[in-house]
Amino acid sequence: MEGADVWSSVRTYLIGLALAAMLTAGSFWISSTGVIYGPGVPVALIVFALAQIGVHLVFFLHLTTAPDNVNNAMALAFGVLVVVLLIGGTLWIMMHMNANMMPMGAAHGPHMHGGHP
């Protein structure tokens, strides 16, 4: 009976490996061919990346919706929240920095160097 469990685990990993390899190859194929309209390529790559994340979570990290995996799912959700807040907050700060910075020409004016007007 133990041999069947081992084969089941190996089969799960092999399915995950095959799906991950196909998604990786598909990403390279999409980016190097003209099958998808040019501006849509980044969106397609994002979709493939999210699918790749899903494959890794299910087949390699064994994250399922079973009751004993609630803590793992909550930890993953919290980690995603922290990453989203960190990246989103950084981008928000960087986008609004320009409104609060001194213009480039003002830093080289006569009053900054103690010169006469």
C-alpha atoms as a PDB file:
ATOM      1  CA  MET A   1       0.000   0.000   0.000  1.00  0.00           C
ATOM      2  CA  GLU A   2       2.915   2.328   0.725  1.00  0.00           C
ATOM      3  CA  GLY A   3       4.214   1.954  -2.848  1.00  0.00           C
ATOM      4  CA  ALA A   4       0.909   3.282  -4.171  1.00  0.00           C
ATOM      5  CA  ASP A   5       1.247   6.379  -1.974  1.00  0.00           C
ATOM      6  CA  VAL A   6       4.757   7.007  -3.239  1.00  0.00           C
ATOM      7  CA  TRP A   7       3.657   6.621  -6.859  1.00  0.00           C
ATOM      8  CA  SER A   8       0.733   8.979  -6.230  1.00  0.00           C
ATOM      9  CA  SER A   9       3.107  11.638  -4.867  1.00  0.00           C
ATOM     10  CA  VAL A  10       5.563  11.171  -7.725  1.00  0.00           C
ATOM     11  CA  ARG A  11       2.709  11.360 -10.241  1.00  0.00           C
ATOM     12  CA  THR A  12       1.503  14.629  -8.670  1.00  0.00           C
ATOM     13  CA  TYR A  13       4.990  16.125  -8.933  1.00  0.00           C
ATOM     14  CA  LEU A  14       5.373  14.947 -12.536  1.00  0.00           C
ATOM     15  CA  ILE A  15       2.036  16.496 -13.521  1.00  0.00           C
ATOM     16  CA  GLY A  16       3.091  19.747 -11.860  1.00  0.00           C
ATOM     17  CA  LEU A  17       6.449  19.643 -13.617  1.00  0.00           C
ATOM     18  CA  ALA A  18       4.797  19.054 -16.997  1.00  0.00           C
ATOM     19  CA  LEU A  19       2.322  21.916 -16.486  1.00  0.00           C
ATOM     20  CA  ALA A  20       5.048  24.282 -15.276  1.00  0.00           C
ATOM     21  CA  ALA A  21       7.259  23.393 -18.249  1.00  0.00           C
ATOM     22  CA  MET A  22       4.379  23.925 -20.688  1.00  0.00           C
ATOM     23  CA  LEU A  23       3.551  27.305 -19.156  1.00  0.00           C
ATOM     24  CA  THR A  24       7.202  28.352 -19.322  1.00  0.00           C
ATOM     25  CA  ALA A  25       7.557  27.220 -22.924  1.00  0.00           C
ATOM     26  CA  GLY A  26       4.267  28.907 -23.764  1.00  0.00           C
ATOM     27  CA  SER A  27       5.499  32.177 -22.293  1.00  0.00           C
ATOM     28  CA  PHE A  28       8.622  32.087 -24.425  1.00  0.00           C
ATOM     29  CA  TRP A  29       6.580  31.134 -27.492  1.00  0.00           C
ATOM     30  CA  ILE A  30       4.062  33.968 -26.976  1.00  0.00           C
ATOM     31  CA  SER A  31       6.801  36.544 -26.513  1.00  0.00           C
ATOM     32  CA  SER A  32       8.752  35.477 -29.595  1.00  0.00           C
ATOM     33  CA  THR A  33       5.939  35.062 -32.123  1.00  0.00           C
ATOM     34  CA  GLY A  34       3.348  37.412 -33.525  1.00  0.00           C
ATOM     35  CA  VAL A  35       0.375  35.222 -32.597  1.00  0.00           C
ATOM     36  CA  ILE A  36      -0.919  37.763 -30.083  1.00  0.00           C
ATOM     37  CA  TYR A  37      -1.291  41.465 -30.901  1.00  0.00           C
ATOM     38  CA  GLY A  38       1.816  43.304 -29.621  1.00  0.00           C
ATOM     39  CA  PRO A  39       0.285  45.341 -26.762  1.00  0.00           C
ATOM     40  CA  GLY A  40      -1.517  42.214 -25.523  1.00  0.00           C
ATOM     41  CA  VAL A  41       1.681  40.232 -24.991  1.00  0.00           C
ATOM     42  CA  PRO A  42       2.354  41.612 -21.461  1.00  0.00           C
ATOM     43  CA  VAL A  43      -1.196  40.721 -20.440  1.00  0.00           C
ATOM     44  CA  ALA A  44      -0.780  37.186 -21.798  1.00  0.00           C
ATOM     45  CA  LEU A  45       2.533  36.836 -19.939  1.00  0.00           C
ATOM     46  CA  ILE A  46       0.897  37.999 -16.706  1.00  0.00           C
ATOM     47  CA  VAL A  47      -1.857  35.408 -17.171  1.00  0.00           C
ATOM     48  CA  PHE A  48       0.736  32.691 -17.759  1.00  0.00           C
ATOM     49  CA  ALA A  49       2.692  33.855 -14.677  1.00  0.00           C
ATOM     50  CA  LEU A  50      -0.428  33.689 -12.494  1.00  0.00           C
ATOM     51  CA  ALA A  51      -1.187  30.220 -13.854  1.00  0.00           C
ATOM     52  CA  GLN A  52       2.410  29.234 -13.059  1.00  0.00           C
ATOM     53  CA  ILE A  53       1.952  30.473  -9.474  1.00  0.00           C
ATOM     54  CA  GLY A  54      -1.216  28.397  -9.198  1.00  0.00           C
ATOM     55  CA  VAL A  55       0.542  25.279 -10.485  1.00  0.00           C
ATOM     56  CA  HIS A  56       3.352  25.716  -7.971  1.00  0.00           C
ATOM     57  CA  LEU A  57       0.964  26.288  -5.080  1.00  0.00           C
ATOM     58  CA  VAL A  58      -1.188  23.258  -5.856  1.00  0.00           C
ATOM     59  CA  PHE A  59       1.270  20.674  -7.176  1.00  0.00           C
ATOM     60  CA  PHE A  60       4.463  21.511  -5.277  1.00  0.00           C
ATOM     61  CA  LEU A  61       3.353  23.277  -2.103  1.00  0.00           C
ATOM     62  CA  HIS A  62       0.168  21.161  -1.864  1.00  0.00           C
ATOM     63  CA  LEU A  63      -2.027  24.129  -0.978  1.00  0.00           C
ATOM     64  CA  THR A  64      -5.612  22.925  -1.194  1.00  0.00           C
ATOM     65  CA  THR A  65      -8.974  24.006   0.157  1.00  0.00           C
ATOM     66  CA  ALA A  66      -9.032  21.208   2.732  1.00  0.00           C
ATOM     67  CA  PRO A  67      -9.831  22.220   6.318  1.00  0.00           C
ATOM     68  CA  ASP A  68      -6.305  21.366   7.503  1.00  0.00           C
ATOM     69  CA  ASN A  69      -4.792  23.878   5.043  1.00  0.00           C
ATOM     70  CA  VAL A  70      -6.654  26.944   6.312  1.00  0.00           C
ATOM     71  CA  ASN A  71      -3.595  28.235   8.185  1.00  0.00           C
ATOM     72  CA  ASN A  72      -1.412  27.860   5.093  1.00  0.00           C
ATOM     73  CA  ALA A  73      -3.963  29.669   2.935  1.00  0.00           C
ATOM     74  CA  MET A  74      -4.254  32.488   5.474  1.00  0.00           C
ATOM     75  CA  ALA A  75      -0.460  32.841   5.671  1.00  0.00           C
ATOM     76  CA  LEU A  76      -0.290  32.986   1.875  1.00  0.00           C
ATOM     77  CA  ALA A  77      -3.075  35.587   1.747  1.00  0.00           C
ATOM     78  CA  PHE A  78      -1.298  37.707   4.368  1.00  0.00           C
ATOM     79  CA  GLY A  79       1.974  37.473   2.446  1.00  0.00           C
ATOM     80  CA  VAL A  80       0.240  38.543  -0.762  1.00  0.00           C
ATOM     81  CA  LEU A  81      -1.382  41.459   1.097  1.00  0.00           C
ATOM     82  CA  VAL A  82       1.978  42.622   2.453  1.00  0.00           C
ATOM     83  CA  VAL A  83       3.604  42.424  -0.994  1.00  0.00           C
ATOM     84  CA  VAL A  84       0.712  44.289  -2.654  1.00  0.00           C
ATOM     85  CA  LEU A  85       0.785  47.011   0.000  1.00  0.00           C
ATOM     86  CA  LEU A  86       4.556  47.335  -0.254  1.00  0.00           C
ATOM     87  CA  ILE A  87       4.651  47.565  -4.038  1.00  0.00           C
ATOM     88  CA  GLY A  88       1.485  49.679  -4.263  1.00  0.00           C
ATOM     89  CA  GLY A  89       2.679  52.076  -1.566  1.00  0.00           C
ATOM     90  CA  THR A  90       6.081  52.430  -3.204  1.00  0.00           C
ATOM     91  CA  LEU A  91       4.539  53.186  -6.582  1.00  0.00           C
ATOM     92  CA  TRP A  92       2.083  55.663  -5.011  1.00  0.00           C
ATOM     93  CA  ILE A  93       4.903  57.514  -3.240  1.00  0.00           C
ATOM     94  CA  MET A  94       7.061  57.599  -6.357  1.00  0.00           C
ATOM     95  CA  MET A  95       4.220  58.895  -8.541  1.00  0.00           C
ATOM     96  CA  HIS A  96       3.420  61.717  -6.113  1.00  0.00           C
ATOM     97  CA  MET A  97       7.009  62.726  -5.335  1.00  0.00           C
ATOM     98  CA  ASN A  98       7.244  64.904  -8.421  1.00  0.00           C
ATOM     99  CA  ALA A  99       4.507  67.236  -7.142  1.00  0.00           C
ATOM    100  CA  ASN A 100       6.406  67.857  -3.902  1.00  0.00           C
ATOM    101  CA  MET A 101       9.954  68.278  -5.232  1.00  0.00           C
ATOM    102  CA  MET A 102      11.726  71.507  -6.017  1.00  0.00           C
ATOM    103  CA  PRO A 103      12.007  72.315  -9.740  1.00  0.00           C
ATOM    104  CA  MET A 104      15.405  71.492 -11.236  1.00  0.00           C
ATOM    105  CA  GLY A 105      16.214  75.115 -12.209  1.00  0.00           C
ATOM    106  CA  ALA A 106      15.571  76.492  -8.708  1.00  0.00           C
ATOM    107  CA  ALA A 107      18.415  74.497  -7.179  1.00  0.00           C
ATOM    108  CA  HIS A 108      20.957  76.331  -9.361  1.00  0.00           C
ATOM    109  CA  GLY A 109      19.710  79.859  -8.744  1.00  0.00           C
ATOM    110  CA  PRO A 110      21.947  82.671  -7.402  1.00  0.00           C
ATOM    111  CA  HIS A 111      20.586  82.406  -3.862  1.00  0.00           C
ATOM    112  CA  MET A 112      21.686  78.817  -3.475  1.00  0.00           C
ATOM    113  CA  HIS A 113      25.389  79.586  -3.968  1.00  0.00           C
ATOM    114  CA  GLY A 114      25.553  82.874  -2.104  1.00  0.00           C
ATOM    115  CA  GLY A 115      26.101  84.836  -5.317  1.00  0.00           C
ATOM    116  CA  HIS A 116      24.803  88.311  -6.041  1.00  0.00           C
ATOM    117  CA  PRO A 117      21.490  88.689  -7.861  1.00  0.00           C
END
